[in-house]
Amino acid sequence: MRIYELLRLEIFQNSQLLTGEIGLENEIESVMILEALDIEKWSRKNQLILTSLYAFENLELPAIEAFFQKMRGIGVSGLVVKVDRLINRVPDWLLSFCGKYQLPLIKIKKDVTYEQIVLAIYQPILNHQSHVLKTYYEVRQRFNRLTRNFSSYEQIMTEFYRMIQKDCLLLLPEQKLTLNFGTLPHELVVTKRVQMPIGEFSKNHYELLTLFSHSESKEYLALQTNIANNFSSECTLLVHEGENGLKETDLMIIENLIDVIQERLQMDFLIKKDRYTRLNNLADAILQNTPNNLDELASLLKEAKIDYYPYYQGVAFATKNLSDEEKRNLRNKLRNLRTHTLFFEHHNYSLILYNLKDANRCLTKEEIHQQIKDFFRQNNNLVIATSSLKPKEMIKEILIDCLDTLRFNQQYLIANIVDVHDLGIFRYFIAEENLAAVANLIPPSLVTLQLQQPELFNTLFAFFQNNRNYKQTSETMYLHAKTIRYRIDRIQDLLSLDLNNNLQTMNIEIATYLLHLKLRRKQNEKTNSLNKRQ
C-alpha cells in the first residue's frame, strides 16, 4: 500500500494531507505508534508512524530535528498526527520539518482511534500476503505433478510459461540446452544491471536488466537470476517484465520454478555422479587391476562398451594444478577425438582409453594439440602423455606407459605433449625395476661430483637442460655467465670431459639425466615415507 492509496480508505475520508504532493508514492509495509524517541531501536523502512506529539513535549528544536533526520535515514513512510486531544493545531515546526525531510504529514480527528488505523493498514497487507502465499502453494502443486513424472526441462518451462505468461529464457550449458519462450527479438543487448533487494517471500538473488533491441530501437526490462547447482554457476533464467511488469505473485511462480529446476539439476548430478563412479571403477579394473583371465577382461571391456575394435591407446594428463571445471572440459575435449572411449580419474592424473580399429586411427600429438590448443594458451604447464597402440592382451601396459611418460616429462619437460616413444633410451630406465641398473652406467667420477660438489653437478644438469647454452643456463640459475663458464671449465677438468667430443659428451649427458632421475626418485620415496608417518 502507498500513501495515496491510504488516503482513499474510508477511515481517512475526513483527514487532511498537510504536505501537498510530498511522498504520495511512499510504500507502507507496517505501522507503529510513537511512544519514545529512540526510533533507531524500533522503527524500520516503509513504516507509517502515528503520534499525538506527546513524546515531543519539552524538547528543544535541535533534538526534534535530530529525530526527523533519523526518520529520514531509516526510510519512514510518513507521519499521522492526531489533533484535538493533546494539541489543538499542528505546530509550525512539524510542518517545517516534514517539508524539509520530505515526509508526508496527515492530520486526523480525535475520534479516529489508532486501532482503526492499524487495522485499516494491515488488513489489505495481510490479504495481499495471504494471496501471495496461496499463489506460491498452488503453483507448487502444479509443478509437483510434473516432477513426480520426471518431466523434462522443456516440459517444466512450458508449464512455467503457461502460468506466468511472460517471455522467458533458460540456459543450461552443462545440458547444452537453450529454452526460449515468447516472441522477443534475439539480438537484445544488456545496457544496464541493477541488483534487486531480496523480497519478503523470496530467497533468490535477482538482477533487473535493461535490454536494447537495435532492430526495433526499443528497450525491454527483464529479471535475471543464476540458478545455483552442482554442475556450474552458469545456469541462467531470464524473465521479461512485459507491459504490465512483474507482480509479487509472478515472483512466487519464478521462485517455484527455480526450486524445481534445482531439484532436477540435483537429480541429474546424482545420476551422473553415480555413472561417473561406476565407469571409473570399471576403468580401474581394466587398467590398474587388470585381470589375468582374458575372458574376464573381455567381459569388463564389453560392460564399458569399448570392445568394438582390437586395439587400444591411452592419453593421460596431469591434474594437480587444474580446477574441476578445467579437468572436466579437457577430458571432454579429448574424448571427442574418437567415438569409443573410457576415462579413468585418479588423484593426480586422468587417462582416456580409446578403442581403435587399427594403427591408422592412432591419436597423434599434432591432432591432440589442435584439439586443445586453447588450453595451452591458458596453461602452458599442461603436460600430456600418450601411449603406444596395444592389443587387448597388453592393455595393462597402457597405464604404465602413460604414467612413466608423465612422470619423466614433469621432471624434464621435453614438451607439452609427449609420446612414450619420445623417451628413447630413457624409457628403459624410468621403469621401477630397471632403476637399479642405472648405477652400472654412471661414471664414478660423476657420482663423486654429485656427492662432494652438488653445486657443480646442478650446474652441469642445468647446462644440459638448456642445450649447452651458457647464457640460458646463467638465466635459469640466476648466476653470471662468467660463473657458469668457470664452473663448466672446472667440471671438464674433474670429469676429464671434452665438450667438443660429441660421443663423450652424449654419454655424460645421458648419465647426468639418469643420476638426476635416480636422485629424484629417492627424494620422492623419502617424502612419501614422511607423509605416511604424519
Foldseek 3Di string as FASTA:
>chain_A
DFQLVLCPDPLNVPKDWPQPPFLRRQAADAEEEDDELPCVVPDAARYEYEYQCPRVPPPDLVVVLVSLVVCLVRHYRAYEHEAPPPHPDDDPSVNVSCNVSRHIYMYDYPVRDPVNSRCSVVVVSVVVVVVLVVLLVVLLVVVVVCVVVVHDPQVLVVVLCVVLVWWKWKDDVVVPDIDTDDDDDDPKDWDDWDWDDADPPADFTKIWTWIADPVVRDIWIWIKGFQDEDPDRHTMMITTQPPVGADSSNVSSVRSSSVSVRVSRHVVVVVVVVVLVVLQVLVCCCAPVDDLDVVVNCVSCVVLVQNPAFKKKKKKKFPPPPDPVRVVVLVVLVCVLDDRWGKHDDDTMIMIMHRDHDPVSDDDPVNSCVSPVVVCVVPVLIAMEMEDMDGSNCNNVNVVLGVLVRVLCNVLVPDRYYYSVVCPPCNQCSDPVNLVVLVVLADVLLVCCCVPPVVLLVLVLLCVSVVNDLVSSCVVVVHDSVVSVVSVVVVCVSVVNDPVPVVRVVSNNVSSSSVVSSVVVVVVVVVVVVVVVD
